[in-house]
Amino acid sequence: MKYTFLVLLLSFLISYAQGDPEKGKEIFAKKCASCHTVGGGKLMGPDLQGVIAKRDIEWLKRFIQRPSALIEEKDPTALALLEEYGAPMPDLDISDEEVEHLIAFLRAAEAGGTGKGGLPSLYIPTLIAALIVAGVLTFLAVSSGKKEVEVKV
């Protein structure tokens, strides 16, 4: 019982360390929607539906923050996008926190929404994290017990 608070706290921290899809949706509308859609087809840039499955997350975070750096590094994916769309994506001065929110929004879009009208988009990852933490804490509690049991054969 005394570990319940710890489990809930860890679950909350894990879920929000990954970003808030609703905030990501707002950022997307302000900074990205003029060139991109999520499931609406190509505009000046690619449709971002499915981008989480297509691209490495760390690469995607770097590209969202500073696409010019990847082009300068001659990153093959960034160069292919530049060639396909004919214009580079501008650096939009997006913070690490905003990138996490955008990634959460894109994940939620791939999962079928931003969490409205059903389970919250981070429900399953939070539940899994809570179960893992509860399992670890249970194991620690059981393994640190002091009662010895004699087994008779």
C-alpha atoms as a PDB file:
ATOM      1  CA  MET A   1       0.000   0.000   0.000  1.00  0.00           C
ATOM      2  CA  LYS A   2       2.809   2.397   0.782  1.00  0.00           C
ATOM      3  CA  TYR A   3       4.149   1.944  -2.778  1.00  0.00           C
ATOM      4  CA  THR A   4       0.876   2.921  -4.470  1.00  0.00           C
ATOM      5  CA  PHE A   5       1.741   6.605  -4.414  1.00  0.00           C
ATOM      6  CA  LEU A   6       5.178   5.866  -5.903  1.00  0.00           C
ATOM      7  CA  VAL A   7       3.634   3.803  -8.706  1.00  0.00           C
ATOM      8  CA  LEU A   8       1.121   6.532  -9.527  1.00  0.00           C
ATOM      9  CA  LEU A   9       3.801   9.234  -9.436  1.00  0.00           C
ATOM     10  CA  LEU A  10       6.117   7.264 -11.726  1.00  0.00           C
ATOM     11  CA  SER A  11       3.253   6.550 -14.138  1.00  0.00           C
ATOM     12  CA  PHE A  12       2.387  10.244 -14.291  1.00  0.00           C
ATOM     13  CA  LEU A  13       6.010  11.281 -14.848  1.00  0.00           C
ATOM     14  CA  ILE A  14       6.561   8.673 -17.558  1.00  0.00           C
ATOM     15  CA  SER A  15       3.423   9.660 -19.435  1.00  0.00           C
ATOM     16  CA  TYR A  16       4.236  13.378 -19.444  1.00  0.00           C
ATOM     17  CA  ALA A  17       7.944  12.951 -20.138  1.00  0.00           C
ATOM     18  CA  GLN A  18       6.839  11.922 -23.609  1.00  0.00           C
ATOM     19  CA  GLY A  19       4.913  15.081 -24.360  1.00  0.00           C
ATOM     20  CA  ASP A  20       1.304  16.127 -24.491  1.00  0.00           C
ATOM     21  CA  PRO A  21      -0.503  15.413 -27.775  1.00  0.00           C
ATOM     22  CA  GLU A  22      -2.975  18.269 -27.238  1.00  0.00           C
ATOM     23  CA  LYS A  23      -0.128  20.776 -26.881  1.00  0.00           C
ATOM     24  CA  GLY A  24       1.506  19.147 -29.898  1.00  0.00           C
ATOM     25  CA  LYS A  25      -1.674  19.661 -31.899  1.00  0.00           C
ATOM     26  CA  GLU A  26      -1.620  23.383 -31.031  1.00  0.00           C
ATOM     27  CA  ILE A  27       2.063  23.691 -31.986  1.00  0.00           C
ATOM     28  CA  PHE A  28       1.418  21.809 -35.222  1.00  0.00           C
ATOM     29  CA  ALA A  29      -1.425  24.181 -36.100  1.00  0.00           C
ATOM     30  CA  LYS A  30       0.772  27.239 -35.484  1.00  0.00           C
ATOM     31  CA  LYS A  31       4.104  26.137 -36.915  1.00  0.00           C
ATOM     32  CA  CYS A  32       3.607  23.172 -39.235  1.00  0.00           C
ATOM     33  CA  ALA A  33       0.119  23.101 -40.766  1.00  0.00           C
ATOM     34  CA  SER A  34       0.913  25.653 -43.467  1.00  0.00           C
ATOM     35  CA  CYS A  35       3.192  23.083 -45.150  1.00  0.00           C
ATOM     36  CA  HIS A  36       2.142  19.685 -43.718  1.00  0.00           C
ATOM     37  CA  THR A  37      -0.967  17.647 -43.021  1.00  0.00           C
ATOM     38  CA  VAL A  38      -1.490  14.534 -40.943  1.00  0.00           C
ATOM     39  CA  GLY A  39      -3.554  12.274 -43.148  1.00  0.00           C
ATOM     40  CA  GLY A  40      -4.704  14.989 -45.541  1.00  0.00           C
ATOM     41  CA  GLY A  41      -2.152  14.484 -48.331  1.00  0.00           C
ATOM     42  CA  LYS A  42       0.914  16.400 -49.440  1.00  0.00           C
ATOM     43  CA  LEU A  43       1.119  20.177 -49.344  1.00  0.00           C
ATOM     44  CA  MET A  44       4.443  22.026 -49.672  1.00  0.00           C
ATOM     45  CA  GLY A  45       5.889  19.263 -47.482  1.00  0.00           C
ATOM     46  CA  PRO A  46       5.010  15.617 -46.965  1.00  0.00           C
ATOM     47  CA  ASP A  47       1.898  14.288 -45.272  1.00  0.00           C
ATOM     48  CA  LEU A  48       3.107  13.305 -41.803  1.00  0.00           C
ATOM     49  CA  GLN A  49       0.643  10.447 -41.260  1.00  0.00           C
ATOM     50  CA  GLY A  50       2.796   7.414 -40.457  1.00  0.00           C
ATOM     51  CA  VAL A  51       6.048   9.363 -40.061  1.00  0.00           C
ATOM     52  CA  ILE A  52       6.641   7.889 -36.584  1.00  0.00           C
ATOM     53  CA  ALA A  53       6.725   4.390 -38.080  1.00  0.00           C
ATOM     54  CA  LYS A  54       8.887   5.468 -41.053  1.00  0.00           C
ATOM     55  CA  ARG A  55      11.598   7.473 -39.323  1.00  0.00           C
ATOM     56  CA  ASP A  56      13.880   6.985 -36.337  1.00  0.00           C
ATOM     57  CA  ILE A  57      12.558   9.134 -33.476  1.00  0.00           C
ATOM     58  CA  GLU A  58      15.914  10.761 -32.721  1.00  0.00           C
ATOM     59  CA  TRP A  59      16.383  11.616 -36.403  1.00  0.00           C
ATOM     60  CA  LEU A  60      12.853  13.024 -36.520  1.00  0.00           C
ATOM     61  CA  LYS A  61      13.459  15.188 -33.448  1.00  0.00           C
ATOM     62  CA  ARG A  62      16.653  16.581 -34.979  1.00  0.00           C
ATOM     63  CA  PHE A  63      14.929  17.213 -38.308  1.00  0.00           C
ATOM     64  CA  ILE A  64      12.009  19.012 -36.664  1.00  0.00           C
ATOM     65  CA  GLN A  65      14.346  21.269 -34.682  1.00  0.00           C
ATOM     66  CA  ARG A  66      17.060  22.015 -37.241  1.00  0.00           C
ATOM     67  CA  PRO A  67      16.502  20.538 -40.691  1.00  0.00           C
ATOM     68  CA  SER A  68      19.273  22.769 -42.051  1.00  0.00           C
ATOM     69  CA  ALA A  69      21.825  20.964 -39.847  1.00  0.00           C
ATOM     70  CA  LEU A  70      20.919  17.597 -41.367  1.00  0.00           C
ATOM     71  CA  ILE A  71      21.146  19.031 -44.871  1.00  0.00           C
ATOM     72  CA  GLU A  72      24.565  20.524 -44.053  1.00  0.00           C
ATOM     73  CA  GLU A  73      25.645  17.090 -42.754  1.00  0.00           C
ATOM     74  CA  LYS A  74      24.533  15.585 -46.094  1.00  0.00           C
ATOM     75  CA  ASP A  75      22.055  13.288 -44.352  1.00  0.00           C
ATOM     76  CA  PRO A  76      20.666  11.074 -47.152  1.00  0.00           C
ATOM     77  CA  THR A  77      17.049  11.201 -45.936  1.00  0.00           C
ATOM     78  CA  ALA A  78      17.109  14.987 -45.522  1.00  0.00           C
ATOM     79  CA  LEU A  79      18.675  15.369 -48.982  1.00  0.00           C
ATOM     80  CA  ALA A  80      16.055  13.051 -50.527  1.00  0.00           C
ATOM     81  CA  LEU A  81      13.254  15.128 -48.975  1.00  0.00           C
ATOM     82  CA  LEU A  82      14.886  18.314 -50.240  1.00  0.00           C
ATOM     83  CA  GLU A  83      15.096  16.874 -53.749  1.00  0.00           C
ATOM     84  CA  GLU A  84      11.520  15.548 -53.688  1.00  0.00           C
ATOM     85  CA  TYR A  85       9.913  18.773 -52.438  1.00  0.00           C
ATOM     86  CA  GLY A  86      12.276  21.281 -54.041  1.00  0.00           C
ATOM     87  CA  ALA A  87      12.616  23.537 -51.002  1.00  0.00           C
ATOM     88  CA  PRO A  88      14.210  22.996 -47.608  1.00  0.00           C
ATOM     89  CA  MET A  89      12.117  22.905 -44.478  1.00  0.00           C
ATOM     90  CA  PRO A  90      12.935  26.091 -42.541  1.00  0.00           C
ATOM     91  CA  ASP A  91      14.343  26.036 -39.029  1.00  0.00           C
ATOM     92  CA  LEU A  92      11.335  26.993 -36.903  1.00  0.00           C
ATOM     93  CA  ASP A  93      12.976  27.697 -33.529  1.00  0.00           C
ATOM     94  CA  ILE A  94      11.202  24.816 -31.792  1.00  0.00           C
ATOM     95  CA  SER A  95      12.292  23.895 -28.239  1.00  0.00           C
ATOM     96  CA  ASP A  96      13.013  20.375 -26.993  1.00  0.00           C
ATOM     97  CA  GLU A  97       9.736  20.439 -25.064  1.00  0.00           C
ATOM     98  CA  GLU A  98       7.767  21.499 -28.156  1.00  0.00           C
ATOM     99  CA  VAL A  99       9.382  18.694 -30.149  1.00  0.00           C
ATOM    100  CA  GLU A 100       8.264  16.177 -27.508  1.00  0.00           C
ATOM    101  CA  HIS A 101       4.705  17.546 -27.761  1.00  0.00           C
ATOM    102  CA  LEU A 102       4.796  17.341 -31.569  1.00  0.00           C
ATOM    103  CA  ILE A 103       6.060  13.746 -31.443  1.00  0.00           C
ATOM    104  CA  ALA A 104       3.271  12.892 -28.964  1.00  0.00           C
ATOM    105  CA  PHE A 105       0.739  14.473 -31.342  1.00  0.00           C
ATOM    106  CA  LEU A 106       2.074  12.491 -34.311  1.00  0.00           C
ATOM    107  CA  ARG A 107       2.037   9.263 -32.255  1.00  0.00           C
ATOM    108  CA  ALA A 108      -1.537   9.942 -31.205  1.00  0.00           C
ATOM    109  CA  ALA A 109      -2.535  10.624 -34.808  1.00  0.00           C
ATOM    110  CA  GLU A 110      -1.080   7.253 -35.842  1.00  0.00           C
ATOM    111  CA  ALA A 111      -2.913   5.577 -32.961  1.00  0.00           C
ATOM    112  CA  GLY A 112      -6.211   7.041 -34.117  1.00  0.00           C
ATOM    113  CA  GLY A 113      -6.540  10.414 -32.437  1.00  0.00           C
ATOM    114  CA  THR A 114      -5.244  12.736 -29.782  1.00  0.00           C
ATOM    115  CA  GLY A 115      -7.071  11.069 -26.960  1.00  0.00           C
ATOM    116  CA  LYS A 116     -10.512  12.679 -27.234  1.00  0.00           C
ATOM    117  CA  GLY A 117     -13.486  10.386 -27.539  1.00  0.00           C
ATOM    118  CA  GLY A 118     -11.856   7.254 -26.148  1.00  0.00           C
ATOM    119  CA  LEU A 119      -8.846   6.223 -24.170  1.00  0.00           C
ATOM    120  CA  PRO A 120      -6.191   8.893 -23.695  1.00  0.00           C
ATOM    121  CA  SER A 121      -3.368   8.441 -26.184  1.00  0.00           C
ATOM    122  CA  LEU A 122      -0.858   7.637 -23.426  1.00  0.00           C
ATOM    123  CA  TYR A 123      -3.156   5.262 -21.523  1.00  0.00           C
ATOM    124  CA  ILE A 124      -1.517   2.031 -22.695  1.00  0.00           C
ATOM    125  CA  PRO A 125       2.128   3.165 -22.231  1.00  0.00           C
ATOM    126  CA  THR A 126       1.250   4.533 -18.788  1.00  0.00           C
ATOM    127  CA  LEU A 127      -0.527   1.326 -17.824  1.00  0.00           C
ATOM    128  CA  ILE A 128       2.428  -0.781 -18.984  1.00  0.00           C
ATOM    129  CA  ALA A 129       4.884   1.418 -17.070  1.00  0.00           C
ATOM    130  CA  ALA A 130       2.740   1.199 -13.927  1.00  0.00           C
ATOM    131  CA  LEU A 131       2.546  -2.593 -14.180  1.00  0.00           C
ATOM    132  CA  ILE A 132       6.308  -2.869 -14.637  1.00  0.00           C
ATOM    133  CA  VAL A 133       6.964  -0.605 -11.661  1.00  0.00           C
ATOM    134  CA  ALA A 134       4.427  -2.525  -9.545  1.00  0.00           C
ATOM    135  CA  GLY A 135       6.064  -5.815 -10.547  1.00  0.00           C
ATOM    136  CA  VAL A 136       9.544  -4.566  -9.682  1.00  0.00           C
ATOM    137  CA  LEU A 137       8.384  -3.184  -6.344  1.00  0.00           C
ATOM    138  CA  THR A 138       6.574  -6.446  -5.554  1.00  0.00           C
ATOM    139  CA  PHE A 139       9.674  -8.435  -6.416  1.00  0.00           C
ATOM    140  CA  LEU A 140      11.807  -6.205  -4.185  1.00  0.00           C
ATOM    141  CA  ALA A 141       9.340  -6.487  -1.313  1.00  0.00           C
ATOM    142  CA  VAL A 142       9.134 -10.274  -1.592  1.00  0.00           C
ATOM    143  CA  SER A 143      12.865 -10.804  -2.061  1.00  0.00           C
ATOM    144  CA  SER A 144      13.795  -8.579   0.886  1.00  0.00           C
ATOM    145  CA  GLY A 145      11.551 -10.464   3.328  1.00  0.00           C
ATOM    146  CA  LYS A 146      13.240 -11.930   6.409  1.00  0.00           C
ATOM    147  CA  LYS A 147      11.059 -14.941   7.134  1.00  0.00           C
ATOM    148  CA  GLU A 148      12.761 -18.229   6.377  1.00  0.00           C
ATOM    149  CA  VAL A 149      10.671 -21.120   5.209  1.00  0.00           C
ATOM    150  CA  GLU A 150      11.743 -24.691   5.813  1.00  0.00           C
ATOM    151  CA  VAL A 151      10.884 -27.053   3.013  1.00  0.00           C
ATOM    152  CA  LYS A 152      10.404 -30.709   4.019  1.00  0.00           C
ATOM    153  CA  VAL A 153      10.811 -33.353   1.407  1.00  0.00           C
END
